[in-house]
Amino acid sequence: MRNPASLEAPAVRPTSAKVDVQDNETALALCGNQNENLKLIERRLGVRVGQRGTELLLSGPADAVAFAVRLVENLEEIIRAGRTVYREDVEQAIKVLGRGGAESLGELGPVLKSSGNRQIAPKSLAQKRYVEAIRANDIVFGIGPAGTGKTYLAMAMAVAFLQERKVKRIILARPAVEAGEKLGFLPGDLAEKVNPYLRPLYDALHDMMAGERAAQLVEQGVIEVAPLAFMRGRTLNDAFVILDEAQNTTVEQMKMFLTRLGYNSKAVVTGDVTQVDLPIGKMSGLNHARSILKNIDGIVFSEFTEVDVVRHPLVQEVIRAYDRFEAAKEQAAKEQEAREAQDPAEPETPEVEEPIAT
């Protein structure tokens, strides 16, 4: 009889599958530049991918091959919908399908064609629902960690609405909250002091359209980029208004912004509630709005998670690490409170000095 300790677990038998995309153009687009998409699939899923004409031959562990087949079929749908598939699209598709989403990634249609003739489209199902919410509602909140495309997609929708003549102007606002630095020490007048806070909005804008065209529209006032404080007292008609970094608004500022909305206008509010730079004890206007506006028809809150991050793959891991740290800290605080409640410290008995004998 063999010693049970010497028995080895049976090896997982490799399996194989074949996916035929039917035409050469789709096959080339799916493979990517110098087969970089196929190499990424091999590295991330632990499968081998071979190509023979329009056929992709997949081999490896059964579960990995089944996932790879589903991934390839979804990427094929994206290509047939008119989008180019880049390495970052493959990465994002792996993350989204890994969560077991039932919807097809091929349904993520383009929002806008950027100045570089590159299509801007949702890269996750949460982003797709966010875009759909913006199309269907007049006030939409996009809440989630950095890198989930909240502001970028809102900007793309704003430019698309402007190009389609659904609005007459775009207004981009941001609170100029000091994150550990003092505005007073920066050189220049007020406009020059707040310009660094608005730079991310300009960067996204220039990614959507040619720099000269963007500058021309800004000069004409069709596109306005301004600190949130400049919104007070205005009524914004026929406008697509975006409030970025809304977690750094106060309750009063958020109310002021939302009540600026006029006829035929849309407002998109974006923010990350884990990165509030307000003074300690000051409630975030974004958190407050989420608690009191969530049941109003026409106002939608779109929530994003780390799986929707479309930056470098390590950004997702950084967010998870900080989330684990915060969760552990909260758990330790709760345990400490529980221990103190069960074993309260006995009050010290004051010492009484004995009278000195005379």
Protein backbone atom coordinates (compact mmCIF):
# COMPACT_ATOMS: atom_id res chain seq x y z
CA MET A 1 0.00 0.00 0.00
CA ARG A 2 1.34 3.42 -0.96
CA ASN A 3 2.03 5.94 1.75
CA PRO A 4 -0.73 8.59 1.64
CA ALA A 5 1.90 11.24 2.31
CA SER A 6 3.60 10.31 -0.95
CA LEU A 7 0.44 10.64 -3.05
CA GLU A 8 0.53 13.65 -5.34
CA ALA A 9 -2.51 15.70 -6.29
CA PRO A 10 -3.62 14.83 -9.82
CA ALA A 11 -2.39 17.40 -12.31
CA VAL A 12 -4.97 19.60 -13.99
CA ARG A 13 -5.33 18.33 -17.51
CA PRO A 14 -4.82 21.06 -20.09
CA THR A 15 -7.63 21.67 -22.49
CA SER A 16 -7.97 23.63 -25.69
CA ALA A 17 -10.48 25.72 -27.59
CA LYS A 18 -10.72 27.48 -30.91
CA VAL A 19 -12.30 30.85 -31.66
CA ASP A 20 -12.79 31.89 -35.29
CA VAL A 21 -13.36 35.64 -35.76
CA GLN A 22 -14.21 35.08 -39.46
CA ASP A 23 -12.27 37.97 -41.05
CA ASN A 24 -8.66 39.13 -41.17
CA GLU A 25 -9.28 42.75 -40.12
CA THR A 26 -10.96 41.67 -36.91
CA ALA A 27 -8.19 39.15 -36.24
CA LEU A 28 -5.48 41.80 -36.69
CA ALA A 29 -7.32 44.27 -34.45
CA LEU A 30 -7.77 41.61 -31.80
CA CYS A 31 -4.09 40.63 -31.82
CA GLY A 32 -2.94 44.25 -31.41
CA ASN A 33 0.33 45.85 -32.41
CA GLN A 34 2.98 43.08 -32.67
CA ASN A 35 0.51 40.69 -30.97
CA GLU A 36 0.69 42.69 -27.73
CA ASN A 37 -2.94 41.89 -26.85
CA LEU A 38 -2.39 38.14 -27.24
CA LYS A 39 0.82 38.29 -25.18
CA LEU A 40 -1.07 40.12 -22.43
CA ILE A 41 -3.83 37.48 -22.42
CA GLU A 42 -1.22 34.72 -22.13
CA ARG A 43 0.56 36.44 -19.25
CA ARG A 44 -2.56 37.43 -17.30
CA LEU A 45 -4.59 34.23 -17.74
CA GLY A 46 -1.86 31.59 -17.87
CA VAL A 47 -2.93 30.20 -21.24
CA ARG A 48 -1.18 29.75 -24.56
CA VAL A 49 -2.60 31.59 -27.55
CA GLY A 50 -1.76 30.66 -31.13
CA GLN A 51 -3.05 32.21 -34.32
CA ARG A 52 -3.80 30.52 -37.63
CA GLY A 53 -5.41 32.93 -40.07
CA THR A 54 -8.66 34.12 -38.51
CA GLU A 55 -8.58 31.43 -35.82
CA LEU A 56 -7.21 31.78 -32.29
CA LEU A 57 -6.13 28.53 -30.63
CA LEU A 58 -6.29 28.59 -26.82
CA SER A 59 -4.79 25.94 -24.55
CA GLY A 60 -4.19 25.61 -20.81
CA PRO A 61 -6.14 24.79 -17.63
CA ALA A 62 -9.84 24.29 -18.31
CA ASP A 63 -11.09 27.26 -16.25
CA ALA A 64 -8.50 29.61 -17.75
CA VAL A 65 -9.33 28.54 -21.31
CA ALA A 66 -13.07 29.00 -20.71
CA PHE A 67 -12.41 32.51 -19.38
CA ALA A 68 -10.10 33.29 -22.32
CA VAL A 69 -12.78 32.23 -24.80
CA ARG A 70 -15.29 34.54 -23.15
CA LEU A 71 -12.73 37.36 -23.13
CA VAL A 72 -11.89 36.94 -26.83
CA GLU A 73 -15.57 36.87 -27.78
CA ASN A 74 -16.22 40.10 -25.86
CA LEU A 75 -13.19 41.81 -27.39
CA GLU A 76 -14.42 40.72 -30.82
CA GLU A 77 -17.79 42.38 -30.10
CA ILE A 78 -16.03 45.60 -29.10
CA ILE A 79 -14.09 45.61 -32.38
CA ARG A 80 -17.20 44.94 -34.44
CA ALA A 81 -18.88 47.86 -32.65
CA GLY A 82 -16.27 50.11 -34.28
CA ARG A 83 -13.76 50.51 -31.46
CA THR A 84 -10.04 49.85 -31.43
CA VAL A 85 -8.84 47.47 -28.72
CA TYR A 86 -5.66 48.54 -26.93
CA ARG A 87 -3.69 46.83 -24.12
CA GLU A 88 -5.52 48.86 -21.49
CA ASP A 89 -8.86 47.70 -22.96
CA VAL A 90 -7.77 44.09 -22.59
CA GLU A 91 -6.70 44.73 -18.98
CA GLN A 92 -10.01 46.37 -18.19
CA ALA A 93 -12.01 43.62 -19.89
CA ILE A 94 -10.21 40.99 -17.80
CA LYS A 95 -11.09 42.88 -14.60
CA VAL A 96 -14.73 43.40 -15.59
CA LEU A 97 -15.36 39.84 -16.76
CA GLY A 98 -13.55 38.56 -13.68
CA ARG A 99 -16.35 40.00 -11.57
CA GLY A 100 -18.86 37.81 -13.39
CA GLY A 101 -20.80 40.60 -15.09
CA ALA A 102 -23.62 39.21 -17.21
CA GLU A 103 -23.72 42.11 -19.66
CA SER A 104 -21.67 42.12 -22.84
CA LEU A 105 -18.72 44.48 -23.14
CA GLY A 106 -19.59 44.86 -26.81
CA GLU A 107 -22.52 47.01 -25.74
CA LEU A 108 -20.14 49.73 -24.50
CA GLY A 109 -20.60 52.06 -27.46
CA PRO A 110 -18.38 55.10 -28.10
CA VAL A 111 -19.24 58.48 -26.56
CA LEU A 112 -16.93 60.74 -28.55
CA LYS A 113 -14.08 60.71 -31.05
CA SER A 114 -11.17 62.68 -29.58
CA SER A 115 -8.85 65.11 -31.35
CA GLY A 116 -6.41 62.27 -32.03
CA ASN A 117 -9.21 60.38 -33.84
CA ARG A 118 -9.33 57.91 -30.93
CA GLN A 119 -12.75 56.86 -29.72
CA ILE A 120 -13.68 57.58 -26.11
CA ALA A 121 -16.00 54.93 -24.71
CA PRO A 122 -16.90 53.32 -21.37
CA LYS A 123 -14.45 50.60 -20.37
CA SER A 124 -16.55 48.94 -17.67
CA LEU A 125 -20.20 48.23 -16.99
CA ALA A 126 -20.25 50.84 -14.21
CA GLN A 127 -18.95 53.43 -16.66
CA LYS A 128 -21.59 52.38 -19.17
CA ARG A 129 -24.38 52.89 -16.61
CA TYR A 130 -22.82 56.25 -15.68
CA VAL A 131 -22.94 57.43 -19.31
CA GLU A 132 -26.51 56.18 -19.67
CA ALA A 133 -27.49 58.01 -16.48
CA ILE A 134 -26.02 61.28 -17.82
CA ARG A 135 -27.99 60.90 -21.05
CA ALA A 136 -31.25 60.23 -19.21
CA ASN A 137 -31.05 62.56 -16.16
CA ASP A 138 -30.35 66.23 -15.48
CA ILE A 139 -28.28 65.78 -12.29
CA VAL A 140 -25.86 62.88 -11.95
CA PHE A 141 -23.30 62.21 -9.20
CA GLY A 142 -20.25 60.09 -10.06
CA ILE A 143 -18.65 58.85 -6.84
CA GLY A 144 -15.62 56.58 -6.63
CA PRO A 145 -11.83 56.33 -6.34
CA ALA A 146 -9.31 58.11 -8.52
CA GLY A 147 -8.82 56.80 -12.04
CA THR A 148 -12.33 55.46 -12.61
CA GLY A 149 -13.08 57.90 -15.45
CA LYS A 150 -15.70 59.97 -13.62
CA THR A 151 -14.52 63.38 -14.80
CA TYR A 152 -13.10 62.19 -18.12
CA LEU A 153 -16.36 60.60 -19.27
CA ALA A 154 -18.38 63.56 -18.00
CA MET A 155 -16.12 65.83 -20.07
CA ALA A 156 -16.56 63.59 -23.13
CA MET A 157 -20.34 63.71 -22.72
CA ALA A 158 -20.23 67.51 -22.37
CA VAL A 159 -18.22 67.92 -25.58
CA ALA A 160 -20.54 65.48 -27.38
CA PHE A 161 -23.60 67.46 -26.24
CA LEU A 162 -21.95 70.68 -27.43
CA GLN A 163 -21.09 69.21 -30.83
CA GLU A 164 -24.65 67.90 -31.20
CA ARG A 165 -25.98 71.39 -30.29
CA LYS A 166 -27.91 70.02 -27.32
CA VAL A 167 -26.30 72.70 -25.13
CA LYS A 168 -24.75 76.08 -25.95
CA ARG A 169 -21.86 76.05 -23.50
CA ILE A 170 -19.81 73.93 -21.12
CA ILE A 171 -18.95 75.10 -17.61
CA LEU A 172 -16.28 73.27 -15.61
CA ALA A 173 -15.93 74.09 -11.92
CA ARG A 174 -13.73 72.92 -9.10
CA PRO A 175 -13.35 73.96 -5.45
CA ALA A 176 -9.94 75.54 -4.81
CA VAL A 177 -9.27 73.75 -1.54
CA GLU A 178 -5.74 73.85 -0.18
CA ALA A 179 -4.43 70.29 0.25
CA GLY A 180 -1.56 70.95 2.63
CA GLU A 181 -0.41 74.06 0.79
CA LYS A 182 -1.31 77.72 1.06
CA LEU A 183 -2.63 79.62 -1.93
CA GLY A 184 -1.26 82.86 -0.54
CA PHE A 185 2.30 81.69 -1.09
CA LEU A 186 1.72 81.08 -4.81
CA PRO A 187 2.79 83.91 -7.16
CA GLY A 188 0.38 85.95 -9.28
CA ASP A 189 -3.16 87.25 -9.02
CA LEU A 190 -6.22 85.19 -8.00
CA ALA A 191 -6.69 83.68 -11.46
CA GLU A 192 -3.06 82.54 -11.57
CA LYS A 193 -3.27 81.16 -8.03
CA VAL A 194 -6.28 78.93 -8.76
CA ASN A 195 -5.14 77.85 -12.24
CA PRO A 196 -3.16 74.80 -10.92
CA TYR A 197 -6.39 73.49 -9.35
CA LEU A 198 -8.15 73.70 -12.74
CA ARG A 199 -5.28 72.15 -14.73
CA PRO A 200 -6.76 68.59 -14.74
CA LEU A 201 -9.91 69.95 -16.38
CA TYR A 202 -7.89 71.70 -19.07
CA ASP A 203 -5.89 68.51 -19.65
CA ALA A 204 -9.04 66.45 -20.18
CA LEU A 205 -10.51 69.15 -22.45
CA HIS A 206 -7.42 69.21 -24.68
CA ASP A 207 -7.62 65.44 -24.95
CA MET A 208 -11.13 65.75 -26.37
CA MET A 209 -10.45 68.35 -29.07
CA ALA A 210 -7.60 70.11 -30.84
CA GLY A 211 -5.74 72.58 -28.64
CA GLU A 212 -6.43 75.56 -30.93
CA ARG A 213 -10.14 74.77 -31.06
CA ALA A 214 -10.31 74.38 -27.26
CA ALA A 215 -8.49 77.68 -26.73
CA GLN A 216 -10.84 79.41 -29.18
CA LEU A 217 -13.96 78.12 -27.39
CA VAL A 218 -12.53 79.16 -24.01
CA GLU A 219 -11.76 82.64 -25.36
CA GLN A 220 -15.32 82.93 -26.75
CA GLY A 221 -16.82 81.85 -23.41
CA VAL A 222 -18.42 78.74 -24.94
CA ILE A 223 -16.27 76.69 -22.56
CA GLU A 224 -15.62 78.16 -19.14
CA VAL A 225 -13.25 76.75 -16.54
CA ALA A 226 -13.60 78.47 -13.18
CA PRO A 227 -13.32 78.00 -9.41
CA LEU A 228 -16.57 77.00 -7.73
CA ALA A 229 -16.72 80.33 -5.87
CA PHE A 230 -17.30 82.10 -9.22
CA MET A 231 -20.65 80.27 -9.62
CA ARG A 232 -22.43 82.19 -6.86
CA GLY A 233 -25.40 84.29 -8.00
CA ARG A 234 -25.53 82.84 -11.53
CA THR A 235 -28.28 80.98 -13.40
CA LEU A 236 -26.89 78.46 -15.90
CA ASN A 237 -29.23 77.90 -18.86
CA ASP A 238 -28.51 75.73 -21.93
CA ALA A 239 -25.34 74.48 -20.26
CA PHE A 240 -23.54 71.27 -19.42
CA VAL A 241 -22.03 71.92 -15.99
CA ILE A 242 -19.40 69.70 -14.35
CA LEU A 243 -18.32 70.04 -10.73
CA ASP A 244 -15.10 68.12 -10.15
CA GLU A 245 -13.49 67.16 -6.80
CA ALA A 246 -16.87 67.71 -5.14
CA GLN A 247 -15.78 65.92 -1.96
CA ASN A 248 -14.00 69.19 -1.10
CA THR A 249 -17.17 71.30 -1.20
CA THR A 250 -18.89 72.34 1.99
CA VAL A 251 -22.61 71.67 2.44
CA GLU A 252 -23.31 75.34 1.66
CA GLN A 253 -21.20 75.27 -1.51
CA MET A 254 -22.92 72.12 -2.78
CA LYS A 255 -26.35 73.66 -2.24
CA MET A 256 -25.21 76.83 -4.01
CA PHE A 257 -23.92 74.85 -7.00
CA LEU A 258 -26.98 72.63 -7.43
CA THR A 259 -29.34 75.60 -7.29
CA ARG A 260 -27.49 77.33 -10.20
CA LEU A 261 -29.01 74.92 -12.72
CA GLY A 262 -31.31 76.59 -15.25
CA TYR A 263 -33.48 75.42 -18.15
CA ASN A 264 -32.16 72.84 -20.65
CA SER A 265 -29.08 72.19 -18.54
CA LYS A 266 -27.31 69.18 -17.10
CA ALA A 267 -25.07 68.94 -14.06
CA VAL A 268 -22.56 66.20 -13.35
CA VAL A 269 -20.91 66.14 -9.93
CA THR A 270 -17.82 63.97 -9.45
CA GLY A 271 -15.75 63.16 -6.39
CA ASP A 272 -13.93 60.65 -4.22
CA VAL A 273 -15.28 60.60 -0.67
CA THR A 274 -12.07 58.94 0.59
CA GLN A 275 -9.96 61.99 -0.31
CA VAL A 276 -11.56 64.90 1.54
CA ASP A 277 -9.20 67.85 2.13
CA LEU A 278 -11.62 69.95 4.17
CA PRO A 279 -10.67 71.00 7.70
CA ILE A 280 -11.33 68.38 10.38
CA GLY A 281 -14.91 68.59 11.58
CA LYS A 282 -16.19 70.16 8.34
CA MET A 283 -18.73 67.92 6.59
CA SER A 284 -18.24 67.20 2.90
CA GLY A 285 -21.01 68.58 0.71
CA LEU A 286 -20.78 65.46 -1.45
CA ASN A 287 -21.44 63.11 1.47
CA HIS A 288 -24.28 65.33 2.67
CA ALA A 289 -25.88 65.46 -0.81
CA ARG A 290 -25.71 61.68 -1.13
CA SER A 291 -27.60 61.28 2.13
CA ILE A 292 -30.45 63.73 1.39
CA LEU A 293 -30.90 63.62 -2.42
CA LYS A 294 -30.73 59.90 -3.16
CA ASN A 295 -34.51 59.38 -3.41
CA ILE A 296 -35.30 62.30 -5.74
CA ASP A 297 -36.43 61.40 -9.27
CA GLY A 298 -34.11 62.83 -11.90
CA ILE A 299 -31.06 62.72 -9.62
CA VAL A 300 -28.88 59.62 -9.99
CA PHE A 301 -25.85 58.48 -7.98
CA SER A 302 -23.40 56.33 -9.95
CA GLU A 303 -20.96 54.45 -7.73
CA PHE A 304 -17.55 53.23 -8.88
CA THR A 305 -15.12 50.78 -7.23
CA GLU A 306 -11.44 49.94 -7.69
CA VAL A 307 -12.32 47.47 -10.47
CA ASP A 308 -13.35 50.43 -12.63
CA VAL A 309 -9.91 52.06 -12.40
CA VAL A 310 -8.59 52.57 -15.93
CA ARG A 311 -5.12 53.79 -15.03
CA HIS A 312 -2.02 51.64 -14.50
CA PRO A 313 -2.98 48.20 -13.07
CA LEU A 314 -1.02 48.99 -9.90
CA VAL A 315 -3.40 51.87 -9.11
CA GLN A 316 -6.09 49.29 -8.38
CA GLU A 317 -3.75 47.48 -5.98
CA VAL A 318 -2.83 50.76 -4.26
CA ILE A 319 -6.52 51.55 -3.68
CA ARG A 320 -7.14 48.07 -2.26
CA ALA A 321 -4.14 48.36 0.06
CA TYR A 322 -5.37 51.67 1.48
CA ASP A 323 -8.90 50.25 1.84
CA ARG A 324 -7.52 47.29 3.82
CA PHE A 325 -5.49 49.63 6.01
CA GLU A 326 -8.52 51.83 6.78
CA ALA A 327 -10.72 48.79 7.48
CA ALA A 328 -8.12 47.33 9.87
CA LYS A 329 -7.79 50.68 11.66
CA GLU A 330 -11.57 50.95 12.09
CA GLN A 331 -11.77 47.36 13.36
CA ALA A 332 -8.97 48.00 15.88
CA ALA A 333 -10.77 51.13 17.13
CA LYS A 334 -14.03 49.17 17.57
CA GLU A 335 -12.25 46.41 19.47
CA GLN A 336 -10.59 48.96 21.71
CA GLU A 337 -13.96 50.59 22.47
CA ALA A 338 -15.46 47.17 23.25
CA ARG A 339 -12.64 46.34 25.67
CA GLU A 340 -13.01 49.67 27.42
CA ALA A 341 -16.79 49.17 27.72
CA GLN A 342 -16.36 45.70 29.28
CA ASP A 343 -13.55 46.66 31.64
CA PRO A 344 -13.94 50.31 32.59
CA ALA A 345 -11.02 51.71 34.53
CA GLU A 346 -11.72 52.07 38.27
CA PRO A 347 -11.66 55.69 39.40
CA GLU A 348 -8.60 56.48 41.47
CA THR A 349 -9.25 57.17 45.17
CA PRO A 350 -7.74 60.49 46.08
CA GLU A 351 -5.12 60.27 48.78
CA VAL A 352 -6.05 62.03 52.06
CA GLU A 353 -3.18 63.56 53.91
CA GLU A 354 -3.06 62.70 57.60
CA PRO A 355 -3.04 65.70 59.91
CA ILE A 356 0.35 66.49 61.33
CA ALA A 357 0.45 65.95 65.10
CA THR A 358 1.24 69.04 67.08
